[in-house]
């Protein structure tokens, strides 16, 4: 490893983590482990701490666990390495292994801050056992009791400093009450602790000392007390904070949906979830999977959510409305299948947006998905089965007749099809008026599709626009097989392009002698121009 130069290694590691270069991070960690395996002296503690912190801050927990394991072999008495190892193990699903590591160091001579983290991680590990397991089993119930006691142990030691542990106690204790888990009668009522936490946070407000997580803690406390409007206002402040990243938002989302179990049948409680999810779609490395039943419900024009803006405030309602618009766009997205297997994505728009003579809906997809003259891996129009998860359609659709328009893979890679019947209940997708422009910061793109045949996925992860030309746009939204033919939207949910591929080492649009890892789409304006050119030629 460069003759053991930890400072140089740290520079490279930080650059790879900041760039979300997973392959680069993996290669550097392998290099580090080779050095640890062959080095003649223990690795310097300070640099080990920095390397692990960089990986932890970047949420590369698989590498945190691997590297921490090697460092712990060299420094077996360092509790902070055991803490990092346990955190990596928990985030990779190895919960019981993490508990074994934490129990080994828990009763040692620990600094107070490290002890709080160790016991807090024990609470988190046991919480995960309960959430993952069958709540009817005695062992699973015991894990919930243990999680509650671990969190309360830290909170009780200093309620003013450990409100995060306190709010986990609150949400877990209320979950225990809902699930009928007994044996916690000696602990204080969860609602009283929630009020105490809000009092501590209010005191920090007076001293202008409120921290980022105080907003999330306040939201959970308000939920525990049944004040969803106050919870929404606290969540808006939390998600708007510059230091809140996708990992923090993802954790909050899981807390609201998996532990607290907000009721999505309640418009007020659904709005709280929407605030966090809309923020997730605006963060680096953020995204989520949309449940088809939710898309169906919220794409329904008759689905009205009255009074929310008045109760929750304009800012909360705007975030909620933005997400609902995205879910309604998703209703127009289809799986393209053959004999039940999803091979690609398509979406419908009004035909008149492409050709005034097409007074019906049309389906757009890639030519490498559906083609009049299919080659290996392509479908013929007659083979294609079209299914819309986001609307109730009464069964799959078929293609009616020959394609209305085709451009081969080497050109626009697009096929336009007419379906055998209209798709009811789908709002028209507006087309962007112009190509997106590169700016600082770069605009974000959203791809909606069916990655690997799964449920509808919103991909805004690492989603900056990279390059634009009349024929192609490049962006960094990560996509999986099965997303080909999906719509690419701007942040106003206007259609910008049709997604066609993702590749490593693709030539840059602004300098073909250079390459980058990018996804590629074909601008909708270019497709419209090609169809209009065909119409003009047909008329002469």
Protein backbone atom coordinates (compact mmCIF):
# COMPACT_ATOMS: atom_id res chain seq x y z
CA UNK A 1 0.00 0.00 0.00
CA UNK A 2 2.26 2.71 -1.32
CA UNK A 3 4.92 1.76 1.25
CA UNK A 4 2.47 2.41 4.10
CA UNK A 5 1.57 6.03 3.65
CA UNK A 6 -1.67 6.40 5.64
CA UNK A 7 -2.02 10.11 4.83
CA UNK A 8 -1.90 9.50 1.07
CA UNK A 9 -4.29 6.56 1.45
CA UNK A 10 -6.73 8.72 3.42
CA UNK A 11 -6.78 11.32 0.61
CA UNK A 12 -7.61 8.64 -1.95
CA UNK A 13 -10.23 7.02 0.27
CA UNK A 14 -11.96 10.32 1.00
CA UNK A 15 -12.05 11.19 -2.70
CA UNK A 16 -13.57 7.82 -3.62
CA UNK A 17 -16.18 8.01 -0.84
CA UNK A 18 -17.16 11.59 -1.73
CA UNK A 19 -17.55 10.56 -5.38
CA UNK A 20 -19.72 7.57 -4.38
CA UNK A 21 -17.21 5.45 -6.32
CA UNK A 22 -18.13 2.04 -4.93
CA UNK A 23 -15.68 0.14 -7.09
CA UNK A 24 -12.90 2.53 -6.09
CA UNK A 25 -13.73 2.25 -2.39
CA UNK A 26 -13.76 -1.55 -2.64
CA UNK A 27 -10.36 -1.59 -4.37
CA UNK A 28 -8.82 0.74 -1.78
CA UNK A 29 -10.17 -1.36 1.10
CA UNK A 30 -8.73 -4.50 -0.49
CA UNK A 31 -5.39 -2.70 -0.78
CA UNK A 32 -5.56 -1.68 2.88
CA UNK A 33 -6.34 -5.23 4.02
CA UNK A 34 -3.37 -6.58 2.05
CA UNK A 35 -1.20 -4.08 3.90
CA UNK A 36 -2.70 -5.09 7.25
CA UNK A 37 -2.12 -8.77 6.48
CA UNK A 38 1.55 -8.30 5.55
CA UNK A 39 2.61 -5.29 7.64
CA UNK A 40 5.30 -5.85 10.26
CA UNK A 41 3.86 -3.33 12.74
CA UNK A 42 0.33 -2.53 13.95
CA UNK A 43 -1.41 0.11 11.88
CA UNK A 44 -1.41 3.60 13.48
CA UNK A 45 -4.53 4.04 15.62
CA UNK A 46 -5.20 7.65 14.60
CA UNK A 47 -5.19 6.80 10.90
CA UNK A 48 -7.31 3.71 11.48
CA UNK A 49 -9.85 5.94 13.23
CA UNK A 50 -9.86 8.39 10.30
CA UNK A 51 -10.25 5.66 7.68
CA UNK A 52 -13.18 4.09 9.53
CA UNK A 53 -14.85 7.45 10.11
CA UNK A 54 -14.61 8.24 6.39
CA UNK A 55 -16.22 4.92 5.49
CA UNK A 56 -18.85 5.32 8.21
CA UNK A 57 -19.75 8.88 7.19
CA UNK A 58 -20.09 7.71 3.59
CA UNK A 59 -22.34 4.82 4.74
CA UNK A 60 -20.08 2.16 3.21
CA UNK A 61 -20.98 -0.20 6.04
CA UNK A 62 -19.95 -3.40 4.28
CA UNK A 63 -16.43 -2.02 4.10
CA UNK A 64 -16.67 -0.59 7.64
CA UNK A 65 -17.27 -4.11 8.95
CA UNK A 66 -14.48 -5.67 6.90
CA UNK A 67 -11.82 -3.06 7.68
CA UNK A 68 -12.81 -2.74 11.36
CA UNK A 69 -12.48 -6.50 11.75
CA UNK A 70 -8.85 -6.29 10.59
CA UNK A 71 -8.08 -3.27 12.76
CA UNK A 72 -9.58 -5.03 15.79
CA UNK A 73 -7.21 -7.94 15.26
CA UNK A 74 -4.33 -5.50 15.71
CA UNK A 75 -5.90 -3.43 18.50
CA UNK A 76 -8.24 -5.85 20.32
CA UNK A 77 -8.76 -3.53 23.31
CA UNK A 78 -9.98 -0.51 21.34
CA UNK A 79 -13.69 -0.20 22.08
CA UNK A 80 -14.22 2.38 19.31
CA UNK A 81 -13.09 -0.18 16.72
CA UNK A 82 -15.52 -2.72 18.18
CA UNK A 83 -18.24 -0.07 17.99
CA UNK A 84 -17.55 0.54 14.29
CA UNK A 85 -17.40 -3.18 13.59
CA UNK A 86 -20.77 -3.68 15.30
CA UNK A 87 -22.35 -0.81 13.37
CA UNK A 88 -21.12 -2.28 10.10
CA UNK A 89 -22.43 -5.71 11.07
CA UNK A 90 -25.88 -4.36 12.00
CA UNK A 91 -26.23 -2.48 8.73
CA UNK A 92 -25.31 -5.62 6.82
CA UNK A 93 -27.87 -7.76 8.64
CA UNK A 94 -25.45 -9.62 10.95
CA UNK A 95 -27.26 -8.54 14.12
CA UNK A 96 -26.39 -11.37 16.50
CA UNK A 97 -22.72 -11.10 15.54
CA UNK A 98 -22.88 -7.38 16.36
CA UNK A 99 -24.43 -8.12 19.76
CA UNK A 100 -21.60 -10.54 20.56
CA UNK A 101 -19.01 -7.86 19.72
CA UNK A 102 -20.80 -5.20 21.78
CA UNK A 103 -21.37 -7.44 24.82
CA UNK A 104 -17.66 -8.26 24.86
CA UNK A 105 -16.69 -4.61 25.33
CA UNK A 106 -19.73 -3.32 27.22
CA UNK A 107 -18.49 -3.99 30.73
CA UNK A 108 -14.94 -2.83 30.11
CA UNK A 109 -13.35 0.43 31.22
CA UNK A 110 -15.04 2.63 28.62
CA UNK A 111 -15.07 6.37 28.17
CA UNK A 112 -18.61 7.67 28.87
CA UNK A 113 -19.23 8.69 25.25
CA UNK A 114 -18.14 5.30 23.89
CA UNK A 115 -20.22 3.48 26.49
CA UNK A 116 -23.32 5.42 25.44
CA UNK A 117 -22.71 4.45 21.82
CA UNK A 118 -22.10 0.80 22.67
CA UNK A 119 -25.28 0.50 24.75
CA UNK A 120 -27.23 2.48 22.16
CA UNK A 121 -26.08 0.06 19.45
CA UNK A 122 -27.19 -2.83 21.63
CA UNK A 123 -30.60 -1.19 21.73
CA UNK A 124 -30.58 -0.77 17.97
CA UNK A 125 -29.54 -4.40 17.39
CA UNK A 126 -32.32 -5.76 19.61
CA UNK A 127 -34.80 -3.38 18.00
CA UNK A 128 -33.87 -4.82 14.61
CA UNK A 129 -34.38 -8.36 15.88
CA UNK A 130 -37.92 -7.43 16.87
CA UNK A 131 -38.72 -5.62 13.63
CA UNK A 132 -37.36 -8.48 11.53
CA UNK A 133 -38.91 -11.30 13.55
CA UNK A 134 -42.26 -12.81 14.39
CA UNK A 135 -43.71 -10.61 17.17
CA UNK A 136 -45.65 -13.57 18.59
CA UNK A 137 -42.51 -15.47 19.58
CA UNK A 138 -41.26 -15.12 23.16
CA UNK A 139 -37.67 -14.63 21.93
CA UNK A 140 -38.75 -11.74 19.72
CA UNK A 141 -40.71 -10.12 22.55
CA UNK A 142 -37.64 -10.47 24.78
CA UNK A 143 -35.58 -8.60 22.16
CA UNK A 144 -38.06 -5.72 22.27
CA UNK A 145 -37.87 -5.55 26.07
CA UNK A 146 -34.08 -5.57 25.91
CA UNK A 147 -34.05 -2.79 23.30
CA UNK A 148 -36.32 -0.64 25.47
CA UNK A 149 -34.16 -1.19 28.55
CA UNK A 150 -30.91 -0.44 26.74
CA UNK A 151 -32.21 2.84 25.38
CA UNK A 152 -33.73 3.84 28.72
CA UNK A 153 -30.50 3.02 30.55
CA UNK A 154 -28.65 5.70 28.57
CA UNK A 155 -31.51 8.20 28.55
CA UNK A 156 -31.98 7.96 32.34
CA UNK A 157 -28.29 8.70 32.92
CA UNK A 158 -28.59 12.18 31.38
CA UNK A 159 -31.99 13.05 29.85
CA UNK A 160 -30.79 16.44 28.60
CA UNK A 161 -27.90 14.96 26.60
CA UNK A 162 -29.49 11.74 25.40
CA UNK A 163 -32.86 12.67 23.95
CA UNK A 164 -32.13 10.45 20.92
CA UNK A 165 -32.04 7.41 23.19
CA UNK A 166 -35.10 8.76 24.97
CA UNK A 167 -37.17 9.06 21.81
CA UNK A 168 -36.24 5.51 20.81
CA UNK A 169 -37.48 4.44 24.24
CA UNK A 170 -40.74 6.31 23.58
CA UNK A 171 -41.41 4.79 20.15
CA UNK A 172 -40.42 1.30 21.23
CA UNK A 173 -42.49 1.44 24.42
CA UNK A 174 -45.55 2.55 22.46
CA UNK A 175 -44.95 -0.25 19.96
CA UNK A 176 -44.78 -2.71 22.88
CA UNK A 177 -48.11 -1.41 24.15
CA UNK A 178 -49.72 -1.78 20.70
CA UNK A 179 -48.34 -5.29 20.29
CA UNK A 180 -49.31 -6.41 23.79
CA UNK A 181 -45.74 -6.98 25.03
CA UNK A 182 -45.79 -6.91 28.84
CA UNK A 183 -43.08 -6.83 31.50
CA UNK A 184 -42.25 -3.11 31.21
CA UNK A 185 -44.52 -1.79 33.95
CA UNK A 186 -41.64 -0.49 36.10
CA UNK A 187 -40.59 1.99 33.39
CA UNK A 188 -42.13 5.48 33.12
CA UNK A 189 -45.03 6.12 30.70
CA UNK A 190 -43.85 6.79 27.15
CA UNK A 191 -46.05 9.90 26.86
CA UNK A 192 -44.41 11.45 29.93
CA UNK A 193 -40.93 10.89 28.46
CA UNK A 194 -42.15 12.40 25.17
CA UNK A 195 -43.27 15.54 27.01
CA UNK A 196 -39.97 15.70 28.87
CA UNK A 197 -38.02 15.45 25.59
CA UNK A 198 -40.07 18.28 24.06
CA UNK A 199 -39.30 20.35 27.16
CA UNK A 200 -35.55 19.76 26.75
CA UNK A 201 -35.72 20.69 23.06
CA UNK A 202 -37.71 23.84 23.83
CA UNK A 203 -35.05 24.88 26.36
CA UNK A 204 -32.36 24.42 23.71
CA UNK A 205 -34.42 26.63 21.40
CA UNK A 206 -34.33 29.43 23.97
CA UNK A 207 -30.55 29.14 24.10
CA UNK A 208 -30.30 28.77 20.29
CA UNK A 209 -28.60 25.39 20.79
CA UNK A 210 -31.00 23.09 18.94
CA UNK A 211 -29.19 20.34 17.01
CA UNK A 212 -30.24 18.70 13.75
CA UNK A 213 -31.61 15.51 15.29
CA UNK A 214 -33.68 17.53 17.76
CA UNK A 215 -36.17 18.19 14.94
CA UNK A 216 -36.58 14.48 14.19
CA UNK A 217 -36.81 13.69 17.91
CA UNK A 218 -39.45 16.40 18.35
CA UNK A 219 -41.44 14.95 15.44
CA UNK A 220 -41.50 11.50 17.05
CA UNK A 221 -42.46 12.99 20.42
CA UNK A 222 -45.35 14.89 18.83
CA UNK A 223 -46.50 11.70 17.08
CA UNK A 224 -46.45 9.89 20.43
CA UNK A 225 -48.70 12.62 21.82
CA UNK A 226 -51.03 12.53 18.81
CA UNK A 227 -50.11 15.99 17.46
CA UNK A 228 -49.43 15.20 13.80
CA UNK A 229 -49.51 18.84 12.67
CA UNK A 230 -46.67 19.75 15.04
CA UNK A 231 -44.82 16.61 13.93
CA UNK A 232 -45.10 17.72 10.31
CA UNK A 233 -43.66 21.15 11.04
CA UNK A 234 -40.74 19.57 12.92
CA UNK A 235 -40.07 17.14 10.06
CA UNK A 236 -39.98 19.99 7.52
CA UNK A 237 -37.24 21.66 9.56
CA UNK A 238 -35.38 18.36 9.89
CA UNK A 239 -35.37 17.46 6.19
CA UNK A 240 -34.44 21.01 5.19
CA UNK A 241 -31.26 20.97 7.28
CA UNK A 242 -28.11 20.95 5.15
CA UNK A 243 -26.42 18.27 7.27
CA UNK A 244 -29.24 15.74 6.82
CA UNK A 245 -28.23 13.17 4.20
CA UNK A 246 -30.02 10.27 2.52
CA UNK A 247 -28.93 7.85 5.25
CA UNK A 248 -30.48 10.00 7.99
CA UNK A 249 -33.67 10.41 5.97
CA UNK A 250 -33.81 6.69 5.23
CA UNK A 251 -33.47 5.91 8.93
CA UNK A 252 -36.25 8.35 9.77
CA UNK A 253 -38.45 6.87 7.05
CA UNK A 254 -37.95 3.36 8.45
CA UNK A 255 -38.67 4.62 11.97
CA UNK A 256 -41.97 6.16 10.85
CA UNK A 257 -43.12 3.21 8.76
CA UNK A 258 -41.63 0.12 10.41
CA UNK A 259 -41.46 0.99 14.11
CA UNK A 260 -44.09 3.69 14.66
CA UNK A 261 -46.26 2.24 11.86
CA UNK A 262 -47.96 5.44 10.78
CA UNK A 263 -51.38 4.69 9.33
CA UNK A 264 -51.29 5.43 5.59
CA UNK A 265 -55.10 5.41 5.53
CA UNK A 266 -54.94 8.70 7.45
CA UNK A 267 -54.17 11.67 5.20
CA UNK A 268 -52.43 13.44 8.09
CA UNK A 269 -50.14 10.50 8.87
CA UNK A 270 -49.46 9.83 5.18
CA UNK A 271 -48.32 13.42 4.81
CA UNK A 272 -45.62 12.86 7.45
CA UNK A 273 -44.25 9.96 5.41
CA UNK A 274 -44.43 12.05 2.22
CA UNK A 275 -42.36 14.85 3.75
CA UNK A 276 -39.49 12.43 4.35
CA UNK A 277 -39.84 10.61 1.03
CA UNK A 278 -39.92 13.81 -1.01
CA UNK A 279 -36.73 14.90 0.76
CA UNK A 280 -35.16 11.50 0.02
CA UNK A 281 -35.71 12.08 -3.68
CA UNK A 282 -33.81 15.36 -3.46
CA UNK A 283 -30.74 13.94 -1.71
CA UNK A 284 -27.63 12.30 -3.08
CA UNK A 285 -28.03 8.54 -3.01
CA UNK A 286 -31.72 8.79 -2.14
CA UNK A 287 -34.67 6.89 -3.59
CA UNK A 288 -37.46 4.49 -2.72
CA UNK A 289 -39.69 1.75 -4.07
CA UNK A 290 -43.34 2.71 -4.60
CA UNK A 291 -45.99 0.20 -3.60
CA UNK A 292 -48.32 -0.43 -6.54
CA UNK A 293 -51.43 -0.15 -4.36
CA UNK A 294 -50.35 3.30 -3.20
CA UNK A 295 -49.76 4.43 -6.78
CA UNK A 296 -53.23 3.16 -7.74
CA UNK A 297 -54.90 4.94 -4.84
CA UNK A 298 -53.14 8.26 -5.19
CA UNK A 299 -53.25 8.36 -8.99
CA UNK A 300 -57.04 8.25 -8.75
CA UNK A 301 -58.34 11.72 -9.74
CA UNK A 302 -61.04 11.26 -7.10
CA UNK A 303 -58.42 10.94 -4.35
CA UNK A 304 -58.69 14.27 -2.54
CA UNK A 305 -56.78 15.25 0.58
CA UNK A 306 -58.61 18.27 1.94
CA UNK A 307 -57.52 20.60 4.68
CA UNK A 308 -53.91 19.44 4.87
CA UNK A 309 -52.37 22.77 3.86
CA UNK A 310 -54.41 24.59 6.48
CA UNK A 311 -53.41 22.13 9.23
CA UNK A 312 -49.78 21.46 8.36
CA UNK A 313 -48.70 24.70 6.69
CA UNK A 314 -47.78 25.54 3.12
CA UNK A 315 -44.23 24.17 3.16
CA UNK A 316 -45.29 20.72 4.36
CA UNK A 317 -48.10 20.61 1.84
CA UNK A 318 -45.85 21.62 -1.07
CA UNK A 319 -43.45 18.74 -0.33
CA UNK A 320 -46.39 16.36 -0.05
CA UNK A 321 -47.97 17.60 -3.29
CA UNK A 322 -44.68 17.28 -5.18
CA UNK A 323 -44.43 13.62 -4.20
CA UNK A 324 -48.08 12.94 -5.07
CA UNK A 325 -47.42 14.37 -8.54
CA UNK A 326 -44.57 11.90 -8.96
CA UNK A 327 -46.77 9.01 -7.87
CA UNK A 328 -49.38 10.08 -10.42
CA UNK A 329 -46.71 10.11 -13.14
CA UNK A 330 -45.80 6.58 -12.08
CA UNK A 331 -49.32 5.37 -12.90
CA UNK A 332 -48.48 5.83 -16.61
CA UNK A 333 -45.43 3.54 -16.39
CA UNK A 334 -45.79 -0.04 -17.60
CA UNK A 335 -43.96 -3.34 -17.43
CA UNK A 336 -43.24 -4.85 -20.83
CA UNK A 337 -43.32 -8.61 -20.45
CA UNK A 338 -43.11 -11.85 -22.36
CA UNK A 339 -44.80 -14.88 -20.82
CA UNK A 340 -44.89 -13.14 -17.44
CA UNK A 341 -41.23 -12.10 -17.34
CA UNK A 342 -40.50 -8.36 -17.25
CA UNK A 343 -38.00 -7.37 -19.94
CA UNK A 344 -38.33 -3.62 -19.98
CA UNK A 345 -40.33 -0.50 -19.16
CA UNK A 346 -42.61 1.73 -21.19
CA UNK A 347 -44.95 4.64 -20.55
CA UNK A 348 -47.99 6.23 -22.14
CA UNK A 349 -48.50 9.80 -23.25
CA UNK A 350 -51.21 11.42 -25.40
CA UNK A 351 -50.57 10.60 -29.05
CA UNK A 352 -51.29 14.16 -30.10
CA UNK A 353 -48.14 15.27 -28.26
CA UNK A 354 -46.19 13.47 -30.99
CA UNK A 355 -48.49 13.57 -34.05
CA UNK A 356 -51.77 15.54 -34.29
CA UNK A 357 -53.30 12.59 -36.14
CA UNK A 358 -52.76 10.22 -33.20
CA UNK A 359 -55.91 11.00 -31.24
CA UNK A 360 -55.29 8.16 -28.77
CA UNK A 361 -52.77 7.16 -26.15
CA UNK A 362 -49.39 5.85 -27.30
CA UNK A 363 -46.80 3.75 -25.50
CA UNK A 364 -43.11 4.69 -25.76
CA UNK A 365 -40.34 2.20 -25.12
CA UNK A 366 -36.88 1.40 -26.44
CA UNK A 367 -36.40 -0.20 -29.82
CA UNK A 368 -34.04 -2.65 -28.15
CA UNK A 369 -37.05 -3.77 -26.05
CA UNK A 370 -39.74 -3.96 -28.79
CA UNK A 371 -39.02 -3.99 -32.52
CA UNK A 372 -40.88 -4.80 -35.71
CA UNK A 373 -37.90 -6.99 -36.70
CA UNK A 374 -36.71 -8.40 -33.37
CA UNK A 375 -33.25 -9.77 -32.86
CA UNK A 376 -31.97 -11.71 -29.85
CA UNK A 377 -33.31 -10.14 -26.65
CA UNK A 378 -35.96 -8.03 -28.40
CA UNK A 379 -39.72 -8.59 -28.48
CA UNK A 380 -41.95 -8.38 -31.50
CA UNK A 381 -45.07 -6.23 -31.02
CA UNK A 382 -47.21 -9.37 -31.04
CA UNK A 383 -45.21 -10.95 -28.19
CA UNK A 384 -45.32 -7.94 -25.87
CA UNK A 385 -47.59 -8.01 -22.83
CA UNK A 386 -48.15 -4.57 -21.29
CA UNK A 387 -49.07 -4.31 -17.61
CA UNK A 388 -49.71 -1.16 -15.55
CA UNK A 389 -49.19 -1.76 -11.82
CA UNK A 390 -50.35 1.74 -10.92
CA UNK A 391 -53.90 1.47 -12.26
CA UNK A 392 -56.62 -1.17 -12.21
CA UNK A 393 -56.82 -2.27 -15.85
CA UNK A 394 -58.49 -5.67 -15.82
CA UNK A 395 -55.53 -7.59 -17.22
CA UNK A 396 -52.58 -7.05 -19.56
CA UNK A 397 -52.72 -4.99 -22.73
CA UNK A 398 -51.56 -5.99 -26.18
CA UNK A 399 -50.12 -3.98 -29.04
CA UNK A 400 -52.62 -3.02 -31.73
CA UNK A 401 -51.07 -3.43 -35.16
CA UNK A 402 -47.60 -2.42 -36.29
CA UNK A 403 -45.48 0.21 -34.51
CA UNK A 404 -46.50 3.79 -35.28
CA UNK A 405 -42.86 4.85 -35.31
CA UNK A 406 -39.49 3.16 -34.94
CA UNK A 407 -35.93 4.38 -34.75
CA UNK A 408 -33.24 1.68 -34.45
CA UNK A 409 -30.86 1.17 -31.55
CA UNK A 410 -27.97 2.95 -33.25
CA UNK A 411 -30.12 6.07 -33.75
CA UNK A 412 -32.88 7.12 -31.30
CA UNK A 413 -33.60 3.61 -29.97
CA UNK A 414 -37.33 4.28 -29.62
CA UNK A 415 -40.54 2.48 -30.58
CA UNK A 416 -44.00 4.07 -30.42
CA UNK A 417 -46.94 1.67 -30.09
CA UNK A 418 -50.72 1.81 -29.91
CA UNK A 419 -52.40 -0.43 -27.35
CA UNK A 420 -55.48 -2.56 -27.93
CA UNK A 421 -57.61 -0.36 -25.65
CA UNK A 422 -57.31 2.90 -23.69
CA UNK A 423 -55.69 2.92 -20.25
CA UNK A 424 -58.24 4.55 -17.95
CA UNK A 425 -57.39 6.65 -14.92
CA UNK A 426 -53.98 7.90 -16.11
CA UNK A 427 -53.26 11.62 -16.22
CA UNK A 428 -51.41 13.00 -19.24
CA UNK A 429 -47.66 13.40 -18.73
CA UNK A 430 -46.52 16.91 -19.73
CA UNK A 431 -43.49 17.15 -22.01
CA UNK A 432 -40.62 19.45 -21.06
CA UNK A 433 -40.57 22.53 -23.29
CA UNK A 434 -36.82 22.37 -23.91
CA UNK A 435 -33.69 20.34 -23.29
CA UNK A 436 -32.40 20.56 -19.71
CA UNK A 437 -29.43 22.86 -19.25
CA UNK A 438 -26.27 22.22 -17.28
CA UNK A 439 -26.07 24.55 -14.30
CA UNK A 440 -24.43 24.86 -10.87
CA UNK A 441 -25.51 22.88 -8.98
CA UNK A 442 -26.52 20.54 -11.79
CA UNK A 443 -30.21 19.72 -12.10
CA UNK A 444 -31.49 16.34 -11.00
CA UNK A 445 -33.18 13.72 -13.14
CA UNK A 446 -35.70 11.11 -12.02
CA UNK A 447 -36.09 7.74 -13.75
CA UNK A 448 -39.17 5.64 -12.99
CA UNK A 449 -39.25 2.01 -13.99
CA UNK A 450 -39.22 -1.63 -12.97
CA UNK A 451 -35.61 -2.52 -12.06
CA UNK A 452 -35.02 -6.26 -12.36
CA UNK A 453 -38.77 -6.72 -12.75
CA UNK A 454 -39.53 -5.34 -9.27
CA UNK A 455 -42.20 -2.92 -8.15
CA UNK A 456 -42.09 0.64 -9.45
CA UNK A 457 -38.85 2.32 -8.41
CA UNK A 458 -38.10 6.02 -8.29
CA UNK A 459 -34.40 6.47 -9.04
CA UNK A 460 -33.01 9.84 -8.07
CA UNK A 461 -29.92 8.34 -6.50
CA UNK A 462 -26.70 10.15 -7.42
CA UNK A 463 -28.90 11.79 -10.00
CA UNK A 464 -27.14 14.85 -11.40
CA UNK A 465 -27.39 15.80 -15.04
CA UNK A 466 -23.94 15.27 -16.60
CA UNK A 467 -24.25 16.27 -20.24
CA UNK A 468 -26.72 17.33 -22.92
CA UNK A 469 -26.74 17.12 -26.72
CA UNK A 470 -29.59 17.17 -29.26
CA UNK A 471 -29.36 13.37 -29.53
CA UNK A 472 -28.57 12.27 -25.97
CA UNK A 473 -28.61 13.34 -22.35
CA UNK A 474 -26.36 11.79 -19.70
CA UNK A 475 -27.17 11.60 -16.00
CA UNK A 476 -26.01 9.64 -12.99
CA UNK A 477 -29.29 8.13 -11.78
CA UNK A 478 -28.29 4.50 -11.14
CA UNK A 479 -30.52 2.06 -12.98
CA UNK A 480 -30.87 -1.71 -13.20
CA UNK A 481 -31.80 -4.05 -16.01
CA UNK A 482 -35.52 -3.67 -16.71
CA UNK A 483 -35.49 0.15 -16.53
CA UNK A 484 -34.90 0.48 -20.30
CA UNK A 485 -37.71 2.47 -21.86
CA UNK A 486 -38.65 4.27 -18.64
CA UNK A 487 -39.44 7.98 -18.50
CA UNK A 488 -36.82 10.48 -17.37
CA UNK A 489 -38.29 13.50 -15.57
CA UNK A 490 -36.95 16.83 -14.42
CA UNK A 491 -37.67 18.16 -10.94
CA UNK A 492 -41.01 19.57 -12.08
CA UNK A 493 -42.06 16.07 -13.21
CA UNK A 494 -42.04 17.10 -16.87
CA UNK A 495 -40.90 14.43 -19.34
CA UNK A 496 -37.33 15.09 -20.49
CA UNK A 497 -36.24 11.84 -22.14
CA UNK A 498 -36.67 8.10 -22.51
CA UNK A 499 -34.06 6.08 -20.65
CA UNK A 500 -32.08 3.64 -22.79
CA UNK A 501 -28.95 2.36 -21.02
CA UNK A 502 -26.29 2.80 -18.36
CA UNK A 503 -22.63 2.15 -18.96
CA UNK A 504 -19.18 2.51 -17.47
CA UNK A 505 -16.65 4.46 -19.46
CA UNK A 506 -19.16 6.08 -21.81
CA UNK A 507 -17.72 8.97 -23.94
CA UNK A 508 -18.54 12.37 -22.50
CA UNK A 509 -20.95 14.52 -24.48
CA UNK A 510 -18.81 17.62 -24.02
CA UNK A 511 -15.49 15.90 -24.82
CA UNK A 512 -15.58 12.53 -26.60
CA UNK A 513 -11.91 11.92 -25.80
CA UNK A 514 -12.86 11.61 -22.11
CA UNK A 515 -15.19 9.09 -20.45
CA UNK A 516 -17.38 8.80 -17.36
CA UNK A 517 -19.84 6.34 -15.83
CA UNK A 518 -23.29 7.50 -16.89
CA UNK A 519 -26.82 6.64 -17.82
CA UNK A 520 -28.13 7.71 -21.18
CA UNK A 521 -31.50 8.89 -22.41
CA UNK A 522 -32.89 10.19 -25.69
CA UNK A 523 -34.44 13.69 -25.42
CA UNK A 524 -38.19 13.71 -25.96
CA UNK A 525 -37.85 16.85 -28.10
CA UNK A 526 -35.60 14.92 -30.49
CA UNK A 527 -38.14 12.10 -30.71
CA UNK A 528 -40.96 14.60 -31.40
CA UNK A 529 -38.88 16.25 -34.14
CA UNK A 530 -38.14 12.90 -35.80
CA UNK A 531 -41.83 11.94 -35.80
CA UNK A 532 -42.85 15.32 -37.17
CA UNK A 533 -40.24 14.95 -39.89
CA UNK A 534 -41.80 11.57 -40.77
CA UNK A 535 -45.26 13.21 -40.84
CA UNK A 536 -44.00 15.96 -43.14
CA UNK A 537 -42.41 13.42 -45.47
CA UNK A 538 -45.64 11.44 -45.51
CA UNK A 539 -47.54 14.52 -46.59
CA UNK A 540 -45.32 15.35 -49.57
